[in-house]
Amino acid sequence: MSLDPIAAPGWRPMLLGYMRAAVVGNAAAQRRVRAELEAFVAREDFTLGPVFVDGGDTPGAFHALLDELSRNDSVRGVLIPDLRHLSCDEQLVLSRHENGSRTPVLTVRFAPLAGGPGAESPVCSGPATLRTRARARVQPLGGRG
């Protein structure tokens, strides 16, 4: 008999949920988003661990998420509704939160925009993104006539 939980029948890797209350809206909308997270993990053969909601009555949920990632070895990643729920800084922290390890971030809804996957995320619209957009609009002069 194996004591390894991964070898146990029916075992599924765990994802932690994360959302921003300001992006989602009221409590009813948060319940709908949580249902979307639950549907995603069921469809993709994961289990959903705690869902951390940042903002409103629970500030600091991102730090609690990081603590849970460090404590719980069975967690395989973070599930967010869409890219608006993580700032660029938070994405960087998740990419190297512990000794250079990377935490996979999965999104329930991902609609790629022109310029590549997530290139125009509303949260990541700093100077580098603006320069990229400006370069994309510049047309070469050669060949016109």
N, C-alpha and C. Protein backbone atom coordinates (compact mmCIF):
# COMPACT_ATOMS: atom_id res chain seq x y z
N MET A 1 0.85 -1.18 0.00
CA MET A 1 0.00 0.00 0.00
C MET A 1 0.89 1.24 0.00
N SER A 2 0.63 2.15 -0.92
CA SER A 2 1.44 3.35 -1.05
C SER A 2 0.87 4.48 -0.19
N LEU A 3 1.76 5.20 0.48
CA LEU A 3 1.34 6.35 1.27
C LEU A 3 1.45 7.65 0.49
N ASP A 4 1.91 7.56 -0.75
CA ASP A 4 2.06 8.73 -1.61
C ASP A 4 0.68 9.17 -2.09
N PRO A 5 0.22 10.41 -1.73
CA PRO A 5 -1.12 10.84 -2.14
C PRO A 5 -1.27 10.96 -3.64
N ILE A 6 -0.18 11.20 -4.36
CA ILE A 6 -0.26 11.32 -5.81
C ILE A 6 -0.62 9.98 -6.44
N ALA A 7 -0.17 8.89 -5.82
CA ALA A 7 -0.46 7.57 -6.35
C ALA A 7 -1.86 7.10 -5.98
N ALA A 8 -2.53 7.76 -5.06
CA ALA A 8 -3.86 7.35 -4.61
C ALA A 8 -4.88 7.57 -5.72
N PRO A 9 -5.80 6.62 -5.89
CA PRO A 9 -6.84 6.80 -6.92
C PRO A 9 -7.71 8.02 -6.61
N GLY A 10 -8.02 8.78 -7.64
CA GLY A 10 -8.88 9.95 -7.46
C GLY A 10 -8.16 11.20 -6.99
N TRP A 11 -6.85 11.10 -6.73
CA TRP A 11 -6.11 12.29 -6.29
C TRP A 11 -6.02 13.28 -7.43
N ARG A 12 -6.27 14.54 -7.11
CA ARG A 12 -6.13 15.62 -8.11
C ARG A 12 -5.32 16.74 -7.51
N PRO A 13 -4.43 17.36 -8.29
CA PRO A 13 -3.62 18.47 -7.77
C PRO A 13 -4.50 19.66 -7.41
N MET A 14 -4.03 20.44 -6.42
CA MET A 14 -4.80 21.56 -5.90
C MET A 14 -4.33 22.89 -6.49
N LEU A 15 -5.31 23.74 -6.77
CA LEU A 15 -5.05 25.13 -7.15
C LEU A 15 -5.67 26.03 -6.10
N LEU A 16 -4.99 27.12 -5.79
CA LEU A 16 -5.55 28.13 -4.90
C LEU A 16 -6.22 29.19 -5.75
N GLY A 17 -7.36 29.68 -5.32
CA GLY A 17 -8.06 30.72 -6.05
C GLY A 17 -7.67 32.10 -5.55
N TYR A 18 -7.74 33.08 -6.44
CA TYR A 18 -7.44 34.46 -6.06
C TYR A 18 -8.26 35.39 -6.94
N MET A 19 -8.86 36.40 -6.32
CA MET A 19 -9.58 37.42 -7.08
C MET A 19 -9.53 38.75 -6.33
N ARG A 20 -9.70 39.82 -7.08
CA ARG A 20 -9.79 41.16 -6.51
C ARG A 20 -11.26 41.57 -6.45
N ALA A 21 -11.70 41.96 -5.27
CA ALA A 21 -13.09 42.38 -5.09
C ALA A 21 -13.43 43.58 -5.96
N ALA A 22 -12.49 44.50 -6.14
CA ALA A 22 -12.74 45.71 -6.93
C ALA A 22 -12.98 45.37 -8.40
N VAL A 23 -12.40 44.30 -8.89
CA VAL A 23 -12.59 43.90 -10.28
C VAL A 23 -13.91 43.15 -10.44
N VAL A 24 -14.22 42.31 -9.47
CA VAL A 24 -15.40 41.45 -9.56
C VAL A 24 -16.68 42.22 -9.27
N GLY A 25 -16.69 42.97 -8.18
CA GLY A 25 -17.89 43.70 -7.81
C GLY A 25 -18.50 43.19 -6.52
N ASN A 26 -19.80 43.16 -6.46
CA ASN A 26 -20.52 42.84 -5.23
C ASN A 26 -20.43 41.36 -4.87
N ALA A 27 -21.05 41.01 -3.74
CA ALA A 27 -20.98 39.64 -3.23
C ALA A 27 -21.60 38.63 -4.20
N ALA A 28 -22.68 39.00 -4.87
CA ALA A 28 -23.31 38.09 -5.82
C ALA A 28 -22.36 37.80 -7.00
N ALA A 29 -21.68 38.82 -7.48
CA ALA A 29 -20.72 38.63 -8.56
C ALA A 29 -19.55 37.78 -8.10
N GLN A 30 -19.12 37.96 -6.84
CA GLN A 30 -18.03 37.13 -6.31
C GLN A 30 -18.45 35.66 -6.25
N ARG A 31 -19.70 35.41 -5.89
CA ARG A 31 -20.19 34.02 -5.87
C ARG A 31 -20.20 33.42 -7.28
N ARG A 32 -20.59 34.23 -8.28
CA ARG A 32 -20.58 33.74 -9.67
C ARG A 32 -19.16 33.41 -10.11
N VAL A 33 -18.20 34.28 -9.76
CA VAL A 33 -16.81 34.04 -10.15
C VAL A 33 -16.28 32.80 -9.45
N ARG A 34 -16.61 32.62 -8.18
CA ARG A 34 -16.19 31.41 -7.46
C ARG A 34 -16.75 30.17 -8.15
N ALA A 35 -18.00 30.23 -8.62
CA ALA A 35 -18.59 29.11 -9.35
C ALA A 35 -17.82 28.84 -10.65
N GLU A 36 -17.34 29.90 -11.31
CA GLU A 36 -16.51 29.72 -12.52
C GLU A 36 -15.20 29.02 -12.17
N LEU A 37 -14.59 29.41 -11.05
CA LEU A 37 -13.35 28.76 -10.61
C LEU A 37 -13.61 27.28 -10.33
N GLU A 38 -14.72 26.99 -9.65
CA GLU A 38 -15.05 25.59 -9.33
C GLU A 38 -15.32 24.78 -10.60
N ALA A 39 -16.00 25.37 -11.57
CA ALA A 39 -16.26 24.68 -12.84
C ALA A 39 -14.95 24.40 -13.58
N PHE A 40 -14.03 25.35 -13.53
CA PHE A 40 -12.74 25.17 -14.20
C PHE A 40 -11.98 23.99 -13.60
N VAL A 41 -11.87 23.95 -12.27
CA VAL A 41 -11.09 22.86 -11.65
C VAL A 41 -11.75 21.51 -11.88
N ALA A 42 -13.07 21.46 -11.91
CA ALA A 42 -13.77 20.20 -12.18
C ALA A 42 -13.50 19.74 -13.61
N ARG A 43 -13.56 20.67 -14.55
CA ARG A 43 -13.34 20.36 -15.97
C ARG A 43 -11.90 19.94 -16.25
N GLU A 44 -10.93 20.55 -15.54
CA GLU A 44 -9.52 20.32 -15.81
C GLU A 44 -8.86 19.33 -14.84
N ASP A 45 -9.65 18.64 -14.02
CA ASP A 45 -9.16 17.63 -13.08
C ASP A 45 -8.21 18.17 -12.02
N PHE A 46 -8.57 19.30 -11.44
CA PHE A 46 -7.89 19.84 -10.27
C PHE A 46 -8.87 19.85 -9.11
N THR A 47 -8.38 20.19 -7.93
CA THR A 47 -9.26 20.52 -6.82
C THR A 47 -9.02 21.99 -6.48
N LEU A 48 -10.03 22.64 -5.95
CA LEU A 48 -9.91 24.04 -5.59
C LEU A 48 -9.70 24.16 -4.09
N GLY A 49 -8.58 24.73 -3.72
CA GLY A 49 -8.30 25.00 -2.32
C GLY A 49 -8.97 26.30 -1.92
N PRO A 50 -8.44 26.98 -0.92
CA PRO A 50 -9.03 28.25 -0.50
C PRO A 50 -9.01 29.29 -1.64
N VAL A 51 -10.04 30.11 -1.68
CA VAL A 51 -10.10 31.22 -2.64
C VAL A 51 -9.86 32.51 -1.85
N PHE A 52 -8.79 33.21 -2.18
CA PHE A 52 -8.41 34.43 -1.49
C PHE A 52 -9.00 35.62 -2.25
N VAL A 53 -9.72 36.47 -1.53
CA VAL A 53 -10.36 37.64 -2.13
C VAL A 53 -9.69 38.88 -1.56
N ASP A 54 -9.01 39.63 -2.41
CA ASP A 54 -8.30 40.83 -1.97
C ASP A 54 -9.19 42.05 -2.11
N GLY A 55 -9.21 42.85 -1.06
CA GLY A 55 -10.00 44.07 -1.07
C GLY A 55 -11.24 43.93 -0.23
N GLY A 56 -11.96 45.00 -0.13
CA GLY A 56 -13.17 44.97 0.68
C GLY A 56 -12.83 44.75 2.14
N ASP A 57 -13.42 43.73 2.73
CA ASP A 57 -13.22 43.43 4.15
C ASP A 57 -11.95 42.63 4.43
N THR A 58 -11.26 42.17 3.39
CA THR A 58 -10.10 41.29 3.61
C THR A 58 -8.86 41.80 2.87
N PRO A 59 -8.28 42.91 3.30
CA PRO A 59 -7.05 43.37 2.64
C PRO A 59 -5.90 42.41 2.96
N GLY A 60 -4.95 42.32 2.07
CA GLY A 60 -3.78 41.48 2.32
C GLY A 60 -3.97 40.03 1.93
N ALA A 61 -4.98 39.73 1.13
CA ALA A 61 -5.21 38.35 0.74
C ALA A 61 -4.07 37.81 -0.12
N PHE A 62 -3.40 38.68 -0.88
CA PHE A 62 -2.29 38.19 -1.71
C PHE A 62 -1.17 37.64 -0.83
N HIS A 63 -0.89 38.31 0.28
CA HIS A 63 0.16 37.82 1.19
C HIS A 63 -0.26 36.51 1.85
N ALA A 64 -1.54 36.38 2.17
CA ALA A 64 -2.05 35.11 2.72
C ALA A 64 -1.93 34.00 1.68
N LEU A 65 -2.16 34.33 0.41
CA LEU A 65 -1.98 33.37 -0.68
C LEU A 65 -0.53 32.90 -0.75
N LEU A 66 0.40 33.83 -0.66
CA LEU A 66 1.82 33.46 -0.68
C LEU A 66 2.18 32.57 0.49
N ASP A 67 1.65 32.88 1.68
CA ASP A 67 1.90 32.04 2.85
C ASP A 67 1.39 30.63 2.62
N GLU A 68 0.20 30.50 2.05
CA GLU A 68 -0.38 29.18 1.79
C GLU A 68 0.45 28.42 0.75
N LEU A 69 0.94 29.13 -0.27
CA LEU A 69 1.80 28.49 -1.27
C LEU A 69 3.06 27.94 -0.63
N SER A 70 3.62 28.67 0.33
CA SER A 70 4.85 28.23 1.00
C SER A 70 4.59 27.06 1.96
N ARG A 71 3.42 27.03 2.56
CA ARG A 71 3.10 26.00 3.56
C ARG A 71 2.63 24.69 2.96
N ASN A 72 1.85 24.76 1.89
CA ASN A 72 1.14 23.59 1.39
C ASN A 72 1.83 23.01 0.16
N ASP A 73 2.45 21.85 0.34
CA ASP A 73 3.18 21.22 -0.76
C ASP A 73 2.28 20.63 -1.84
N SER A 74 1.01 20.45 -1.55
CA SER A 74 0.12 19.84 -2.54
C SER A 74 -0.43 20.87 -3.54
N VAL A 75 -0.16 22.15 -3.32
CA VAL A 75 -0.65 23.20 -4.23
C VAL A 75 0.21 23.22 -5.48
N ARG A 76 -0.44 23.20 -6.64
CA ARG A 76 0.27 23.18 -7.91
C ARG A 76 0.22 24.50 -8.67
N GLY A 77 -0.59 25.46 -8.20
CA GLY A 77 -0.66 26.74 -8.89
C GLY A 77 -1.76 27.63 -8.33
N VAL A 78 -1.96 28.75 -9.02
CA VAL A 78 -2.96 29.74 -8.62
C VAL A 78 -3.94 29.90 -9.79
N LEU A 79 -5.21 29.95 -9.46
CA LEU A 79 -6.26 30.12 -10.46
C LEU A 79 -6.91 31.49 -10.27
N ILE A 80 -6.95 32.28 -11.34
CA ILE A 80 -7.57 33.60 -11.29
C ILE A 80 -8.65 33.68 -12.37
N PRO A 81 -9.65 34.54 -12.18
CA PRO A 81 -10.69 34.67 -13.20
C PRO A 81 -10.16 35.19 -14.54
N ASP A 82 -9.33 36.21 -14.51
CA ASP A 82 -8.68 36.74 -15.71
C ASP A 82 -7.47 37.57 -15.28
N LEU A 83 -6.73 38.07 -16.24
CA LEU A 83 -5.46 38.73 -15.94
C LEU A 83 -5.59 40.05 -15.17
N ARG A 84 -6.78 40.63 -15.14
CA ARG A 84 -6.96 41.88 -14.40
C ARG A 84 -6.81 41.69 -12.89
N HIS A 85 -6.84 40.47 -12.43
CA HIS A 85 -6.82 40.20 -10.99
C HIS A 85 -5.40 40.17 -10.40
N LEU A 86 -4.38 40.19 -11.23
CA LEU A 86 -3.00 40.24 -10.74
C LEU A 86 -2.28 41.44 -11.34
N SER A 87 -1.64 42.23 -10.49
CA SER A 87 -0.82 43.33 -10.99
C SER A 87 0.47 42.73 -11.57
N CYS A 88 1.20 43.53 -12.31
CA CYS A 88 2.50 43.07 -12.84
C CYS A 88 3.43 42.67 -11.70
N ASP A 89 3.44 43.46 -10.62
CA ASP A 89 4.29 43.13 -9.47
C ASP A 89 3.91 41.79 -8.87
N GLU A 90 2.62 41.54 -8.73
CA GLU A 90 2.18 40.26 -8.17
C GLU A 90 2.55 39.10 -9.09
N GLN A 91 2.47 39.31 -10.40
CA GLN A 91 2.88 38.26 -11.33
C GLN A 91 4.36 37.94 -11.17
N LEU A 92 5.17 38.98 -10.98
CA LEU A 92 6.61 38.76 -10.77
C LEU A 92 6.87 38.02 -9.47
N VAL A 93 6.15 38.38 -8.41
CA VAL A 93 6.33 37.70 -7.12
C VAL A 93 5.98 36.23 -7.27
N LEU A 94 4.89 35.92 -7.94
CA LEU A 94 4.50 34.52 -8.12
C LEU A 94 5.49 33.76 -8.99
N SER A 95 6.12 34.46 -9.92
CA SER A 95 7.06 33.76 -10.79
C SER A 95 8.33 33.35 -10.06
N ARG A 96 8.62 33.99 -8.92
CA ARG A 96 9.82 33.62 -8.15
C ARG A 96 9.56 33.79 -6.67
N HIS A 97 8.49 33.22 -6.17
CA HIS A 97 8.12 33.47 -4.78
C HIS A 97 8.98 32.74 -3.76
N GLU A 98 9.61 31.64 -4.15
CA GLU A 98 10.36 30.88 -3.15
C GLU A 98 11.58 30.23 -3.80
N ASN A 99 12.75 30.71 -3.46
CA ASN A 99 14.00 30.13 -3.95
C ASN A 99 14.03 29.95 -5.46
N GLY A 100 13.50 30.91 -6.18
CA GLY A 100 13.56 30.86 -7.63
C GLY A 100 12.52 29.96 -8.26
N SER A 101 11.63 29.35 -7.48
CA SER A 101 10.62 28.47 -8.06
C SER A 101 9.53 29.30 -8.73
N ARG A 102 8.89 28.73 -9.70
CA ARG A 102 7.81 29.41 -10.41
C ARG A 102 6.48 28.79 -10.02
N THR A 103 5.49 29.63 -9.82
CA THR A 103 4.14 29.17 -9.52
C THR A 103 3.29 29.36 -10.77
N PRO A 104 2.77 28.27 -11.32
CA PRO A 104 1.90 28.44 -12.49
C PRO A 104 0.65 29.24 -12.13
N VAL A 105 0.27 30.15 -13.02
CA VAL A 105 -0.94 30.93 -12.84
C VAL A 105 -1.86 30.57 -14.00
N LEU A 106 -3.04 30.06 -13.68
CA LEU A 106 -4.01 29.68 -14.69
C LEU A 106 -5.16 30.67 -14.67
N THR A 107 -5.73 30.95 -15.83
CA THR A 107 -6.85 31.87 -15.90
C THR A 107 -8.08 31.14 -16.42
N VAL A 108 -9.23 31.46 -15.86
CA VAL A 108 -10.49 30.87 -16.31
C VAL A 108 -10.87 31.45 -17.66
N ARG A 109 -10.80 32.78 -17.77
CA ARG A 109 -11.15 33.46 -19.01
C ARG A 109 -9.90 34.14 -19.55
N PHE A 110 -9.53 33.76 -20.76
CA PHE A 110 -8.37 34.39 -21.36
C PHE A 110 -8.70 34.68 -22.81
N ALA A 111 -8.83 35.94 -23.13
CA ALA A 111 -9.10 36.36 -24.49
C ALA A 111 -7.88 37.13 -24.99
N PRO A 112 -7.04 36.51 -25.80
CA PRO A 112 -5.85 37.21 -26.28
C PRO A 112 -6.23 38.45 -27.09
N LEU A 113 -5.45 39.47 -26.91
CA LEU A 113 -5.67 40.71 -27.63
C LEU A 113 -4.61 40.88 -28.70
N ALA A 114 -4.80 41.80 -29.59
CA ALA A 114 -3.81 42.07 -30.63
C ALA A 114 -2.46 42.37 -30.00
N GLY A 115 -1.42 41.84 -30.55
CA GLY A 115 -0.08 42.07 -30.02
C GLY A 115 0.42 40.92 -29.17
N GLY A 116 -0.37 39.86 -29.03
CA GLY A 116 0.10 38.69 -28.30
C GLY A 116 -0.70 38.42 -27.05
N PRO A 117 -0.50 37.23 -26.48
CA PRO A 117 -1.28 36.83 -25.30
C PRO A 117 -1.07 37.77 -24.13
N GLY A 118 -2.12 38.41 -23.70
CA GLY A 118 -2.07 39.26 -22.52
C GLY A 118 -1.26 40.52 -22.65
N ALA A 119 -0.84 40.85 -23.85
CA ALA A 119 0.05 42.00 -24.04
C ALA A 119 -0.58 43.31 -23.61
N GLU A 120 -1.88 43.38 -23.66
CA GLU A 120 -2.54 44.63 -23.31
C GLU A 120 -3.41 44.47 -22.07
N SER A 121 -2.92 43.70 -21.11
CA SER A 121 -3.64 43.55 -19.85
C SER A 121 -3.82 44.93 -19.23
N PRO A 122 -5.01 45.27 -18.75
CA PRO A 122 -5.23 46.60 -18.19
C PRO A 122 -4.34 46.92 -17.01
N VAL A 123 -3.92 45.90 -16.27
CA VAL A 123 -3.07 46.12 -15.11
C VAL A 123 -1.63 46.39 -15.54
N CYS A 124 -1.24 45.82 -16.68
CA CYS A 124 0.14 45.94 -17.15
C CYS A 124 0.22 46.93 -18.30
N SER A 125 -0.09 48.16 -18.02
CA SER A 125 -0.08 49.15 -19.09
C SER A 125 0.93 50.25 -18.81
N GLY A 126 2.08 49.86 -18.31
CA GLY A 126 3.13 50.81 -17.98
C GLY A 126 3.87 51.30 -19.20
N PRO A 127 4.97 52.04 -18.99
CA PRO A 127 5.72 52.65 -20.09
C PRO A 127 6.24 51.63 -21.11
N ALA A 128 6.68 50.45 -20.64
CA ALA A 128 7.20 49.45 -21.59
C ALA A 128 6.11 48.99 -22.54
N THR A 129 4.90 48.78 -22.02
CA THR A 129 3.79 48.35 -22.86
C THR A 129 3.42 49.46 -23.83
N LEU A 130 3.43 50.70 -23.37
CA LEU A 130 3.11 51.82 -24.26
C LEU A 130 4.14 51.95 -25.37
N ARG A 131 5.43 51.73 -25.05
CA ARG A 131 6.46 51.79 -26.10
C ARG A 131 6.23 50.68 -27.12
N THR A 132 5.85 49.49 -26.66
CA THR A 132 5.60 48.39 -27.57
C THR A 132 4.44 48.72 -28.50
N ARG A 133 3.38 49.30 -27.95
CA ARG A 133 2.24 49.68 -28.77
C ARG A 133 2.64 50.73 -29.80
N ALA A 134 3.45 51.70 -29.38
CA ALA A 134 3.86 52.77 -30.29
C ALA A 134 4.70 52.20 -31.43
N ARG A 135 5.61 51.26 -31.11
CA ARG A 135 6.45 50.65 -32.15
C ARG A 135 5.60 49.87 -33.14
N ALA A 136 4.55 49.22 -32.67
CA ALA A 136 3.69 48.43 -33.53
C ALA A 136 2.94 49.30 -34.53
N ARG A 137 2.67 50.55 -34.17
CA ARG A 137 1.93 51.45 -35.04
C ARG A 137 2.81 52.10 -36.11
N VAL A 138 4.13 52.09 -35.93
CA VAL A 138 5.04 52.73 -36.88
C VAL A 138 5.12 51.85 -38.14
N GLN A 139 4.82 52.44 -39.28
CA GLN A 139 4.87 51.73 -40.53
C GLN A 139 6.19 52.04 -41.24
N PRO A 140 6.82 51.03 -41.85
CA PRO A 140 8.06 51.31 -42.59
C PRO A 140 7.77 52.18 -43.81
N LEU A 141 8.71 53.07 -44.13
CA LEU A 141 8.54 53.99 -45.26
C LEU A 141 8.83 53.33 -46.59
N GLY A 142 9.69 52.33 -46.60
CA GLY A 142 10.06 51.66 -47.84
C GLY A 142 8.88 50.93 -48.45
N GLY A 143 8.83 50.88 -49.79
CA GLY A 143 7.80 50.13 -50.47
C GLY A 143 6.54 50.93 -50.77
N ARG A 144 6.45 52.14 -50.30
CA ARG A 144 5.28 52.96 -50.62
C ARG A 144 5.63 53.89 -51.76
N GLY A 145 4.70 54.11 -52.59
CA GLY A 145 5.06 54.91 -53.58
C GLY A 145 4.78 55.89 -54.42
